[in-house]
Amino acid sequence: MNSVSQADTPRLTLVSSVAQPIHQPVEETIDAVRFLQAMTLSLDLDEVLETLNGFLRELVDHSGWEYRHAEYSCVFNGGIPDRHRLEYALTLNGQEMGTLKLMRGRRFSESDQMRIESLLGLAAQSLRNALRFFRASQQLERDPLTGLGNRRAFDMQGSQWLADSVRHRHPIALMVMDLDRFKGVNDTYGHPVGDQLLRAVANTLTSVTRAADLCVRMGGDEFVVLLPGTDLSAAMECAERIRQAVSRECVMIPTGETVTTSVSIGVAAHRHGMDLDQLYHQADDALYAAKRAGTNRVLAGAGNPSLQTK
């Protein structure tokens, strides 16, 4: 990203699929004080990027944008993608700050690029602060043993995802699961072996589910998976894949023995009027019903009692 020193000039790639005449834009400027005040109103990365792109739109009238940060595993975007793209690899004092891509239907002129780079220079500090806040929030929402989300991540992200699903009238489903007879593993082989098994199960969850799903360790041997855009039938199929994959997991211990486990899973689909807590409890009730039915099985929550697998 641009800053005062030349060493921090952004790397720039311009992609243009079809040559078109360069339209010289009307000369415009952005009030730097107004821009900086707006950029410092929030530390939320999404809001900072939305503010930045609002001002960039005033300057160059782009139709769509995308921001990515590989290390932080985040992607934000807005507007409508188009054929001509201007891409910046953003850095500040040697620190990688992600990639910003701007898109529109006509080519970006040199004047456009100068305006963009000038505004990015002003935005540098606010973006870095937002990234630091984003990373701190990620760490607070991460389970240190498994690397999955924790209860805080479930409460915060889950509530937001559920609200988005309701607003857009998209289905959303939830799994609640725990390992069968896990206490016996800890008692027989010790907690380090139990921890290895928990990490193996966490890896199974992330490999079987989609990147768009939220996998969380709630505590102990309890895990939840929130599946946006997923109805009950598809969630049951995913839960069954998880059940089968977990049954194949094993941990080798120093004596040469292998320790295995199984998992029971309760599944619930969101229904009108339910909040996140109600959705969780419906799936949790199904989990305990699966335990009572003999463990190592998948059972749907109230409203679909006939849907179960083993």
C-alpha atoms as a PDB file:
ATOM      1  CA  MET A   1       0.000   0.000   0.000  1.00  0.00           C
ATOM      2  CA  ASN A   2       1.221   3.527  -0.641  1.00  0.00           C
ATOM      3  CA  SER A   3       2.787   5.416   2.213  1.00  0.00           C
ATOM      4  CA  VAL A   4       5.186   8.335   2.497  1.00  0.00           C
ATOM      5  CA  SER A   5       8.233   6.321   1.461  1.00  0.00           C
ATOM      6  CA  GLN A   6       8.787   5.010  -2.073  1.00  0.00           C
ATOM      7  CA  ALA A   7       9.653   1.591  -0.637  1.00  0.00           C
ATOM      8  CA  ASP A   8       6.014   1.085   0.253  1.00  0.00           C
ATOM      9  CA  THR A   9       4.618   1.764  -3.229  1.00  0.00           C
ATOM     10  CA  PRO A  10       2.085  -0.985  -4.014  1.00  0.00           C
ATOM     11  CA  ARG A  11       2.673  -3.612  -6.651  1.00  0.00           C
ATOM     12  CA  LEU A  12       0.109  -3.147  -9.405  1.00  0.00           C
ATOM     13  CA  THR A  13      -1.323  -5.490 -12.011  1.00  0.00           C
ATOM     14  CA  LEU A  14      -3.824  -4.248 -14.571  1.00  0.00           C
ATOM     15  CA  VAL A  15      -5.904  -6.886 -16.332  1.00  0.00           C
ATOM     16  CA  SER A  16      -7.888  -5.790 -19.384  1.00  0.00           C
ATOM     17  CA  SER A  17      -9.627  -8.387 -21.521  1.00  0.00           C
ATOM     18  CA  VAL A  18     -10.571  -6.134 -24.446  1.00  0.00           C
ATOM     19  CA  ALA A  19      -8.852  -2.938 -25.493  1.00  0.00           C
ATOM     20  CA  GLN A  20     -11.157   0.052 -25.147  1.00  0.00           C
ATOM     21  CA  PRO A  21     -10.619   3.802 -25.376  1.00  0.00           C
ATOM     22  CA  ILE A  22      -9.509   5.254 -22.083  1.00  0.00           C
ATOM     23  CA  HIS A  23     -12.174   7.622 -20.794  1.00  0.00           C
ATOM     24  CA  GLN A  24     -10.620  10.589 -19.091  1.00  0.00           C
ATOM     25  CA  PRO A  25     -12.533  11.044 -15.830  1.00  0.00           C
ATOM     26  CA  VAL A  26     -13.783  14.337 -14.521  1.00  0.00           C
ATOM     27  CA  GLU A  27     -11.183  15.741 -12.140  1.00  0.00           C
ATOM     28  CA  GLU A  28     -12.294  15.069  -8.592  1.00  0.00           C
ATOM     29  CA  THR A  29     -10.608  15.133  -5.223  1.00  0.00           C
ATOM     30  CA  ILE A  30     -11.479  13.642  -1.856  1.00  0.00           C
ATOM     31  CA  ASP A  31     -11.424  15.735   1.291  1.00  0.00           C
ATOM     32  CA  ALA A  32      -8.588  14.035   3.210  1.00  0.00           C
ATOM     33  CA  VAL A  33      -9.921  15.092   6.608  1.00  0.00           C
ATOM     34  CA  ARG A  34     -13.401  13.746   5.844  1.00  0.00           C
ATOM     35  CA  PHE A  35     -11.879  10.508   4.546  1.00  0.00           C
ATOM     36  CA  LEU A  36      -9.619   9.945   7.560  1.00  0.00           C
ATOM     37  CA  GLN A  37     -12.446  10.708   9.981  1.00  0.00           C
ATOM     38  CA  ALA A  38     -14.660   8.162   8.241  1.00  0.00           C
ATOM     39  CA  MET A  39     -11.905   5.541   8.175  1.00  0.00           C
ATOM     40  CA  THR A  40     -11.276   5.809  11.924  1.00  0.00           C
ATOM     41  CA  LEU A  41     -14.918   5.444  12.979  1.00  0.00           C
ATOM     42  CA  SER A  42     -14.581   1.667  13.242  1.00  0.00           C
ATOM     43  CA  LEU A  43     -11.961  -1.035  13.760  1.00  0.00           C
ATOM     44  CA  ASP A  44     -14.151  -3.665  12.116  1.00  0.00           C
ATOM     45  CA  LEU A  45     -12.317  -4.806   8.967  1.00  0.00           C
ATOM     46  CA  ASP A  46     -15.512  -5.239   6.954  1.00  0.00           C
ATOM     47  CA  GLU A  47     -16.687  -1.717   7.805  1.00  0.00           C
ATOM     48  CA  VAL A  48     -13.263  -0.191   7.091  1.00  0.00           C
ATOM     49  CA  LEU A  49     -13.168  -1.852   3.661  1.00  0.00           C
ATOM     50  CA  GLU A  50     -16.729  -0.736   2.895  1.00  0.00           C
ATOM     51  CA  THR A  51     -15.795   2.843   3.823  1.00  0.00           C
ATOM     52  CA  LEU A  52     -12.643   2.714   1.701  1.00  0.00           C
ATOM     53  CA  ASN A  53     -14.537   1.431  -1.304  1.00  0.00           C
ATOM     54  CA  GLY A  54     -17.241   4.036  -0.882  1.00  0.00           C
ATOM     55  CA  PHE A  55     -14.645   6.771  -1.264  1.00  0.00           C
ATOM     56  CA  LEU A  56     -12.888   4.941  -4.099  1.00  0.00           C
ATOM     57  CA  ARG A  57     -16.225   4.747  -5.894  1.00  0.00           C
ATOM     58  CA  GLU A  58     -16.493   8.530  -5.670  1.00  0.00           C
ATOM     59  CA  LEU A  59     -13.123   8.775  -7.411  1.00  0.00           C
ATOM     60  CA  VAL A  60     -13.211   6.113 -10.121  1.00  0.00           C
ATOM     61  CA  ASP A  61     -16.774   4.769 -10.166  1.00  0.00           C
ATOM     62  CA  HIS A  62     -15.804   1.076 -10.000  1.00  0.00           C
ATOM     63  CA  SER A  63     -18.575  -1.500 -10.073  1.00  0.00           C
ATOM     64  CA  GLY A  64     -17.115  -4.213  -7.848  1.00  0.00           C
ATOM     65  CA  TRP A  65     -14.294  -4.949  -5.425  1.00  0.00           C
ATOM     66  CA  GLU A  66     -12.660  -7.848  -3.626  1.00  0.00           C
ATOM     67  CA  TYR A  67     -10.232  -7.918  -0.712  1.00  0.00           C
ATOM     68  CA  ARG A  68      -8.262 -11.025   0.289  1.00  0.00           C
ATOM     69  CA  HIS A  69      -5.736 -11.752   3.025  1.00  0.00           C
ATOM     70  CA  ALA A  70      -4.283 -15.250   2.674  1.00  0.00           C
ATOM     71  CA  GLU A  71      -2.593 -15.402   6.078  1.00  0.00           C
ATOM     72  CA  TYR A  72      -5.767 -14.330   7.890  1.00  0.00           C
ATOM     73  CA  SER A  73      -7.965 -16.557   5.672  1.00  0.00           C
ATOM     74  CA  CYS A  74     -10.438 -13.778   4.971  1.00  0.00           C
ATOM     75  CA  VAL A  75     -12.251 -12.625   1.845  1.00  0.00           C
ATOM     76  CA  PHE A  76     -14.522  -9.590   1.581  1.00  0.00           C
ATOM     77  CA  ASN A  77     -16.233  -8.317  -1.547  1.00  0.00           C
ATOM     78  CA  GLY A  78     -18.980  -6.091  -2.801  1.00  0.00           C
ATOM     79  CA  GLY A  79     -20.644  -4.717  -5.916  1.00  0.00           C
ATOM     80  CA  ILE A  80     -20.648  -6.450  -9.292  1.00  0.00           C
ATOM     81  CA  PRO A  81     -17.561  -8.037 -10.932  1.00  0.00           C
ATOM     82  CA  ASP A  82     -16.633  -6.694 -14.368  1.00  0.00           C
ATOM     83  CA  ARG A  83     -14.118  -7.182 -17.186  1.00  0.00           C
ATOM     84  CA  HIS A  84     -11.425  -4.623 -16.329  1.00  0.00           C
ATOM     85  CA  ARG A  85      -9.531  -5.182 -13.109  1.00  0.00           C
ATOM     86  CA  LEU A  86      -6.980  -3.254 -11.141  1.00  0.00           C
ATOM     87  CA  GLU A  87      -5.218  -5.266  -8.452  1.00  0.00           C
ATOM     88  CA  TYR A  88      -3.020  -4.013  -5.609  1.00  0.00           C
ATOM     89  CA  ALA A  89      -0.816  -6.152  -3.377  1.00  0.00           C
ATOM     90  CA  LEU A  90      -0.895  -3.998  -0.256  1.00  0.00           C
ATOM     91  CA  THR A  91       2.112  -3.613   2.025  1.00  0.00           C
ATOM     92  CA  LEU A  92       3.104  -1.108   4.686  1.00  0.00           C
ATOM     93  CA  ASN A  93       6.644  -0.970   6.062  1.00  0.00           C
ATOM     94  CA  GLY A  94       7.236  -4.488   4.784  1.00  0.00           C
ATOM     95  CA  GLN A  95       4.049  -5.900   6.327  1.00  0.00           C
ATOM     96  CA  GLU A  96       1.731  -7.779   3.947  1.00  0.00           C
ATOM     97  CA  MET A  97      -1.747  -6.293   4.183  1.00  0.00           C
ATOM     98  CA  GLY A  98      -3.690  -8.335   1.676  1.00  0.00           C
ATOM     99  CA  THR A  99      -4.801  -7.762  -1.907  1.00  0.00           C
ATOM    100  CA  LEU A 100      -7.422  -5.307  -3.132  1.00  0.00           C
ATOM    101  CA  LYS A 101      -9.018  -5.766  -6.553  1.00  0.00           C
ATOM    102  CA  LEU A 102     -11.198  -3.125  -8.223  1.00  0.00           C
ATOM    103  CA  MET A 103     -13.399  -3.891 -11.238  1.00  0.00           C
ATOM    104  CA  ARG A 104     -15.474  -1.960 -13.757  1.00  0.00           C
ATOM    105  CA  GLY A 105     -16.650  -2.089 -17.377  1.00  0.00           C
ATOM    106  CA  ARG A 106     -14.093   0.308 -18.833  1.00  0.00           C
ATOM    107  CA  ARG A 107     -10.335   0.465 -18.459  1.00  0.00           C
ATOM    108  CA  PHE A 108      -8.704   2.328 -15.611  1.00  0.00           C
ATOM    109  CA  SER A 109      -6.691   5.314 -16.820  1.00  0.00           C
ATOM    110  CA  GLU A 110      -3.342   6.419 -15.439  1.00  0.00           C
ATOM    111  CA  SER A 111      -5.175   9.276 -13.747  1.00  0.00           C
ATOM    112  CA  ASP A 112      -7.508   6.768 -12.100  1.00  0.00           C
ATOM    113  CA  GLN A 113      -4.540   4.793 -10.839  1.00  0.00           C
ATOM    114  CA  MET A 114      -2.873   7.857  -9.359  1.00  0.00           C
ATOM    115  CA  ARG A 115      -6.071   8.758  -7.502  1.00  0.00           C
ATOM    116  CA  ILE A 116      -6.514   5.233  -6.197  1.00  0.00           C
ATOM    117  CA  GLU A 117      -2.914   4.988  -5.002  1.00  0.00           C
ATOM    118  CA  SER A 118      -3.145   8.364  -3.298  1.00  0.00           C
ATOM    119  CA  LEU A 119      -6.252   7.291  -1.378  1.00  0.00           C
ATOM    120  CA  LEU A 120      -4.732   3.921  -0.472  1.00  0.00           C
ATOM    121  CA  GLY A 121      -1.782   5.775   1.004  1.00  0.00           C
ATOM    122  CA  LEU A 122      -4.121   7.712   3.284  1.00  0.00           C
ATOM    123  CA  ALA A 123      -5.961   4.491   4.204  1.00  0.00           C
ATOM    124  CA  ALA A 124      -2.836   2.547   5.175  1.00  0.00           C
ATOM    125  CA  GLN A 125      -2.829   3.143   8.921  1.00  0.00           C
ATOM    126  CA  SER A 126      -6.577   2.567   9.336  1.00  0.00           C
ATOM    127  CA  LEU A 127      -6.390  -0.675   7.403  1.00  0.00           C
ATOM    128  CA  ARG A 128      -3.435  -1.890   9.463  1.00  0.00           C
ATOM    129  CA  ASN A 129      -5.305  -1.114  12.702  1.00  0.00           C
ATOM    130  CA  ALA A 130      -8.371  -2.978  11.429  1.00  0.00           C
ATOM    131  CA  LEU A 131      -6.212  -5.975  10.495  1.00  0.00           C
ATOM    132  CA  ARG A 132      -4.665  -6.036  13.976  1.00  0.00           C
ATOM    133  CA  PHE A 133      -8.137  -5.958  15.518  1.00  0.00           C
ATOM    134  CA  PHE A 134      -9.279  -8.703  13.138  1.00  0.00           C
ATOM    135  CA  ARG A 135      -6.339 -10.925  14.112  1.00  0.00           C
ATOM    136  CA  ALA A 136      -6.931 -10.311  17.824  1.00  0.00           C
ATOM    137  CA  SER A 137     -10.593 -11.249  17.380  1.00  0.00           C
ATOM    138  CA  GLN A 138      -9.583 -14.389  15.493  1.00  0.00           C
ATOM    139  CA  GLN A 139      -7.328 -15.446  18.355  1.00  0.00           C
ATOM    140  CA  LEU A 140     -10.062 -14.841  20.915  1.00  0.00           C
ATOM    141  CA  GLU A 141     -12.429 -16.984  18.851  1.00  0.00           C
ATOM    142  CA  ARG A 142     -10.022 -19.899  18.297  1.00  0.00           C
ATOM    143  CA  ASP A 143      -9.778 -23.092  20.337  1.00  0.00           C
ATOM    144  CA  PRO A 144      -6.054 -23.476  21.129  1.00  0.00           C
ATOM    145  CA  LEU A 145      -6.072 -27.300  21.170  1.00  0.00           C
ATOM    146  CA  THR A 146      -7.820 -28.017  17.850  1.00  0.00           C
ATOM    147  CA  GLY A 147      -7.591 -24.735  15.916  1.00  0.00           C
ATOM    148  CA  LEU A 148     -11.360 -24.753  15.413  1.00  0.00           C
ATOM    149  CA  GLY A 149     -13.621 -21.922  16.476  1.00  0.00           C
ATOM    150  CA  ASN A 150     -14.634 -21.753  20.126  1.00  0.00           C
ATOM    151  CA  ARG A 151     -17.894 -20.959  21.923  1.00  0.00           C
ATOM    152  CA  ARG A 152     -17.341 -17.233  21.414  1.00  0.00           C
ATOM    153  CA  ALA A 153     -16.978 -17.769  17.668  1.00  0.00           C
ATOM    154  CA  PHE A 154     -20.201 -19.780  17.668  1.00  0.00           C
ATOM    155  CA  ASP A 155     -22.111 -17.079  19.536  1.00  0.00           C
ATOM    156  CA  MET A 156     -20.807 -14.201  17.403  1.00  0.00           C
ATOM    157  CA  GLN A 157     -20.464 -15.694  13.931  1.00  0.00           C
ATOM    158  CA  GLY A 158     -23.381 -18.056  14.359  1.00  0.00           C
ATOM    159  CA  SER A 159     -25.766 -15.259  15.297  1.00  0.00           C
ATOM    160  CA  GLN A 160     -24.653 -13.209  12.297  1.00  0.00           C
ATOM    161  CA  TRP A 161     -24.924 -16.147   9.891  1.00  0.00           C
ATOM    162  CA  LEU A 162     -28.368 -17.051  11.192  1.00  0.00           C
ATOM    163  CA  ALA A 163     -29.550 -13.451  10.784  1.00  0.00           C
ATOM    164  CA  ASP A 164     -28.195 -13.401   7.223  1.00  0.00           C
ATOM    165  CA  SER A 165     -29.948 -16.669   6.415  1.00  0.00           C
ATOM    166  CA  VAL A 166     -33.266 -15.402   7.753  1.00  0.00           C
ATOM    167  CA  ARG A 167     -32.926 -12.111   5.893  1.00  0.00           C
ATOM    168  CA  HIS A 168     -32.176 -13.818   2.573  1.00  0.00           C
ATOM    169  CA  ARG A 169     -34.582 -16.715   3.243  1.00  0.00           C
ATOM    170  CA  HIS A 170     -31.846 -19.312   2.910  1.00  0.00           C
ATOM    171  CA  PRO A 171     -31.860 -22.580   4.881  1.00  0.00           C
ATOM    172  CA  ILE A 172     -29.352 -23.164   7.651  1.00  0.00           C
ATOM    173  CA  ALA A 173     -28.725 -26.263   9.771  1.00  0.00           C
ATOM    174  CA  LEU A 174     -26.726 -27.177  12.844  1.00  0.00           C
ATOM    175  CA  MET A 175     -25.021 -30.350  14.083  1.00  0.00           C
ATOM    176  CA  VAL A 176     -24.150 -30.987  17.721  1.00  0.00           C
ATOM    177  CA  MET A 177     -21.923 -33.975  18.408  1.00  0.00           C
ATOM    178  CA  ASP A 178     -19.696 -35.536  21.024  1.00  0.00           C
ATOM    179  CA  LEU A 179     -17.439 -38.546  21.148  1.00  0.00           C
ATOM    180  CA  ASP A 180     -18.808 -41.784  22.508  1.00  0.00           C
ATOM    181  CA  ARG A 181     -17.205 -42.997  25.759  1.00  0.00           C
ATOM    182  CA  PHE A 182     -14.474 -40.374  25.544  1.00  0.00           C
ATOM    183  CA  LYS A 183     -14.022 -40.279  29.324  1.00  0.00           C
ATOM    184  CA  GLY A 184     -12.835 -43.892  29.146  1.00  0.00           C
ATOM    185  CA  VAL A 185     -10.071 -42.884  26.714  1.00  0.00           C
ATOM    186  CA  ASN A 186      -8.762 -40.249  29.123  1.00  0.00           C
ATOM    187  CA  ASP A 187      -9.041 -42.595  32.105  1.00  0.00           C
ATOM    188  CA  THR A 188      -7.300 -45.493  30.348  1.00  0.00           C
ATOM    189  CA  TYR A 189      -4.648 -43.789  28.219  1.00  0.00           C
ATOM    190  CA  GLY A 190      -4.310 -40.319  29.741  1.00  0.00           C
ATOM    191  CA  HIS A 191      -5.274 -36.831  28.626  1.00  0.00           C
ATOM    192  CA  PRO A 192      -2.431 -36.413  26.081  1.00  0.00           C
ATOM    193  CA  VAL A 193      -3.893 -39.309  24.080  1.00  0.00           C
ATOM    194  CA  GLY A 194      -7.353 -37.858  24.504  1.00  0.00           C
ATOM    195  CA  ASP A 195      -6.054 -34.539  23.160  1.00  0.00           C
ATOM    196  CA  GLN A 196      -4.570 -36.305  20.138  1.00  0.00           C
ATOM    197  CA  LEU A 197      -7.934 -37.873  19.441  1.00  0.00           C
ATOM    198  CA  LEU A 198      -9.701 -34.513  19.719  1.00  0.00           C
ATOM    199  CA  ARG A 199      -7.273 -32.986  17.219  1.00  0.00           C
ATOM    200  CA  ALA A 200      -7.822 -35.903  14.847  1.00  0.00           C
ATOM    201  CA  VAL A 201     -11.592 -35.422  15.052  1.00  0.00           C
ATOM    202  CA  ALA A 202     -11.181 -31.676  14.443  1.00  0.00           C
ATOM    203  CA  ASN A 203      -9.129 -32.404  11.315  1.00  0.00           C
ATOM    204  CA  THR A 204     -11.857 -34.778  10.159  1.00  0.00           C
ATOM    205  CA  LEU A 205     -14.507 -32.094  10.584  1.00  0.00           C
ATOM    206  CA  THR A 206     -12.596 -29.555   8.513  1.00  0.00           C
ATOM    207  CA  SER A 207     -11.849 -32.101   5.781  1.00  0.00           C
ATOM    208  CA  VAL A 208     -15.431 -33.367   5.480  1.00  0.00           C
ATOM    209  CA  THR A 209     -17.233 -30.006   5.724  1.00  0.00           C
ATOM    210  CA  ARG A 210     -17.038 -27.010   3.399  1.00  0.00           C
ATOM    211  CA  ALA A 211     -14.854 -23.954   3.880  1.00  0.00           C
ATOM    212  CA  ALA A 212     -18.094 -21.973   4.228  1.00  0.00           C
ATOM    213  CA  ASP A 213     -19.196 -24.022   7.271  1.00  0.00           C
ATOM    214  CA  LEU A 214     -18.375 -23.051  10.855  1.00  0.00           C
ATOM    215  CA  CYS A 215     -16.708 -25.845  12.856  1.00  0.00           C
ATOM    216  CA  VAL A 216     -16.485 -25.227  16.601  1.00  0.00           C
ATOM    217  CA  ARG A 217     -15.210 -27.072  19.647  1.00  0.00           C
ATOM    218  CA  MET A 218     -17.641 -26.044  22.370  1.00  0.00           C
ATOM    219  CA  GLY A 219     -15.551 -27.637  25.120  1.00  0.00           C
ATOM    220  CA  GLY A 220     -14.481 -31.096  26.231  1.00  0.00           C
ATOM    221  CA  ASP A 221     -15.395 -33.540  23.488  1.00  0.00           C
ATOM    222  CA  GLU A 222     -18.409 -31.564  22.192  1.00  0.00           C
ATOM    223  CA  PHE A 223     -18.295 -30.091  18.685  1.00  0.00           C
ATOM    224  CA  VAL A 224     -20.813 -28.179  16.613  1.00  0.00           C
ATOM    225  CA  VAL A 225     -20.966 -27.464  12.898  1.00  0.00           C
ATOM    226  CA  LEU A 226     -23.125 -24.687  11.464  1.00  0.00           C
ATOM    227  CA  LEU A 227     -24.041 -25.212   7.807  1.00  0.00           C
ATOM    228  CA  PRO A 228     -25.378 -22.132   5.975  1.00  0.00           C
ATOM    229  CA  GLY A 229     -27.417 -22.722   2.834  1.00  0.00           C
ATOM    230  CA  THR A 230     -28.137 -26.300   3.951  1.00  0.00           C
ATOM    231  CA  ASP A 231     -31.505 -27.968   4.570  1.00  0.00           C
ATOM    232  CA  LEU A 232     -32.127 -30.867   6.945  1.00  0.00           C
ATOM    233  CA  SER A 233     -31.673 -33.603   4.362  1.00  0.00           C
ATOM    234  CA  ALA A 234     -28.286 -32.301   3.191  1.00  0.00           C
ATOM    235  CA  ALA A 235     -27.196 -31.737   6.804  1.00  0.00           C
ATOM    236  CA  MET A 236     -28.081 -35.338   7.656  1.00  0.00           C
ATOM    237  CA  GLU A 237     -25.984 -36.566   4.733  1.00  0.00           C
ATOM    238  CA  CYS A 238     -23.036 -34.454   5.886  1.00  0.00           C
ATOM    239  CA  ALA A 239     -23.442 -35.699   9.460  1.00  0.00           C
ATOM    240  CA  GLU A 240     -23.370 -39.293   8.247  1.00  0.00           C
ATOM    241  CA  ARG A 241     -20.148 -38.645   6.320  1.00  0.00           C
ATOM    242  CA  ILE A 242     -18.649 -37.208   9.507  1.00  0.00           C
ATOM    243  CA  ARG A 243     -19.808 -40.203  11.555  1.00  0.00           C
ATOM    244  CA  GLN A 244     -18.215 -42.643   9.134  1.00  0.00           C
ATOM    245  CA  ALA A 245     -14.979 -40.629   8.861  1.00  0.00           C
ATOM    246  CA  VAL A 246     -14.594 -40.352  12.643  1.00  0.00           C
ATOM    247  CA  SER A 247     -15.062 -44.116  13.024  1.00  0.00           C
ATOM    248  CA  ARG A 248     -11.998 -44.567  10.812  1.00  0.00           C
ATOM    249  CA  GLU A 249      -9.828 -42.245  12.901  1.00  0.00           C
ATOM    250  CA  CYS A 250      -7.214 -43.787  15.191  1.00  0.00           C
ATOM    251  CA  VAL A 251      -4.351 -42.609  17.368  1.00  0.00           C
ATOM    252  CA  MET A 252      -1.192 -44.688  17.810  1.00  0.00           C
ATOM    253  CA  ILE A 253       0.209 -44.685  21.354  1.00  0.00           C
ATOM    254  CA  PRO A 254       3.781 -45.611  22.496  1.00  0.00           C
ATOM    255  CA  THR A 255       2.751 -49.169  23.440  1.00  0.00           C
ATOM    256  CA  GLY A 256       1.813 -49.800  19.816  1.00  0.00           C
ATOM    257  CA  GLU A 257      -1.914 -49.865  20.523  1.00  0.00           C
ATOM    258  CA  THR A 258      -4.336 -47.893  18.424  1.00  0.00           C
ATOM    259  CA  VAL A 259      -7.098 -45.880  20.067  1.00  0.00           C
ATOM    260  CA  THR A 260     -10.293 -45.333  18.106  1.00  0.00           C
ATOM    261  CA  THR A 261     -13.566 -43.586  18.789  1.00  0.00           C
ATOM    262  CA  SER A 262     -17.046 -43.003  17.417  1.00  0.00           C
ATOM    263  CA  VAL A 263     -19.363 -40.024  17.456  1.00  0.00           C
ATOM    264  CA  SER A 264     -23.064 -39.430  18.004  1.00  0.00           C
ATOM    265  CA  ILE A 265     -24.612 -36.481  16.179  1.00  0.00           C
ATOM    266  CA  GLY A 266     -27.834 -34.520  16.564  1.00  0.00           C
ATOM    267  CA  VAL A 267     -29.005 -32.430  13.599  1.00  0.00           C
ATOM    268  CA  ALA A 268     -31.532 -29.604  13.432  1.00  0.00           C
ATOM    269  CA  ALA A 269     -32.679 -27.294  10.660  1.00  0.00           C
ATOM    270  CA  HIS A 270     -33.743 -23.733  11.351  1.00  0.00           C
ATOM    271  CA  ARG A 271     -37.461 -23.064  11.418  1.00  0.00           C
ATOM    272  CA  HIS A 272     -39.258 -19.733  11.405  1.00  0.00           C
ATOM    273  CA  GLY A 273     -38.949 -17.845  14.676  1.00  0.00           C
ATOM    274  CA  MET A 274     -36.004 -19.821  16.067  1.00  0.00           C
ATOM    275  CA  ASP A 275     -32.936 -18.051  17.422  1.00  0.00           C
ATOM    276  CA  LEU A 276     -29.448 -19.564  17.603  1.00  0.00           C
ATOM    277  CA  ASP A 277     -29.938 -20.840  21.147  1.00  0.00           C
ATOM    278  CA  GLN A 278     -33.173 -22.620  20.206  1.00  0.00           C
ATOM    279  CA  LEU A 279     -31.533 -24.149  17.127  1.00  0.00           C
ATOM    280  CA  TYR A 280     -28.648 -25.400  19.281  1.00  0.00           C
ATOM    281  CA  HIS A 281     -30.941 -26.939  21.892  1.00  0.00           C
ATOM    282  CA  GLN A 282     -32.993 -28.737  19.252  1.00  0.00           C
ATOM    283  CA  ALA A 283     -29.827 -30.316  17.822  1.00  0.00           C
ATOM    284  CA  ASP A 284     -28.541 -31.022  21.346  1.00  0.00           C
ATOM    285  CA  ASP A 285     -31.777 -32.810  22.249  1.00  0.00           C
ATOM    286  CA  ALA A 286     -31.351 -34.944  19.118  1.00  0.00           C
ATOM    287  CA  LEU A 287     -27.789 -35.755  20.184  1.00  0.00           C
ATOM    288  CA  TYR A 288     -28.938 -37.080  23.540  1.00  0.00           C
ATOM    289  CA  ALA A 289     -31.677 -39.074  21.826  1.00  0.00           C
ATOM    290  CA  ALA A 290     -28.958 -40.622  19.621  1.00  0.00           C
ATOM    291  CA  LYS A 291     -26.943 -41.474  22.733  1.00  0.00           C
ATOM    292  CA  ARG A 292     -29.950 -43.142  24.345  1.00  0.00           C
ATOM    293  CA  ALA A 293     -30.612 -45.072  21.129  1.00  0.00           C
ATOM    294  CA  GLY A 294     -27.198 -46.735  21.288  1.00  0.00           C
ATOM    295  CA  THR A 295     -24.503 -44.157  20.265  1.00  0.00           C
ATOM    296  CA  ASN A 296     -22.547 -43.995  16.998  1.00  0.00           C
ATOM    297  CA  ARG A 297     -25.498 -42.667  15.051  1.00  0.00           C
ATOM    298  CA  VAL A 298     -27.073 -39.547  13.550  1.00  0.00           C
ATOM    299  CA  LEU A 299     -30.519 -38.377  14.596  1.00  0.00           C
ATOM    300  CA  ALA A 300     -32.601 -35.387  13.503  1.00  0.00           C
ATOM    301  CA  GLY A 301     -34.222 -32.995  15.944  1.00  0.00           C
ATOM    302  CA  ALA A 302     -37.887 -32.596  16.774  1.00  0.00           C
ATOM    303  CA  GLY A 303     -40.104 -32.285  13.733  1.00  0.00           C
ATOM    304  CA  ASN A 304     -38.252 -34.996  11.800  1.00  0.00           C
ATOM    305  CA  PRO A 305     -38.003 -37.891  14.283  1.00  0.00           C
ATOM    306  CA  SER A 306     -37.966 -40.524  11.562  1.00  0.00           C
ATOM    307  CA  LEU A 307     -34.716 -39.254  10.015  1.00  0.00           C
ATOM    308  CA  GLN A 308     -31.862 -41.181  11.586  1.00  0.00           C
ATOM    309  CA  THR A 309     -28.839 -43.112  10.346  1.00  0.00           C
ATOM    310  CA  LYS A 310     -26.394 -45.587  11.734  1.00  0.00           C
END
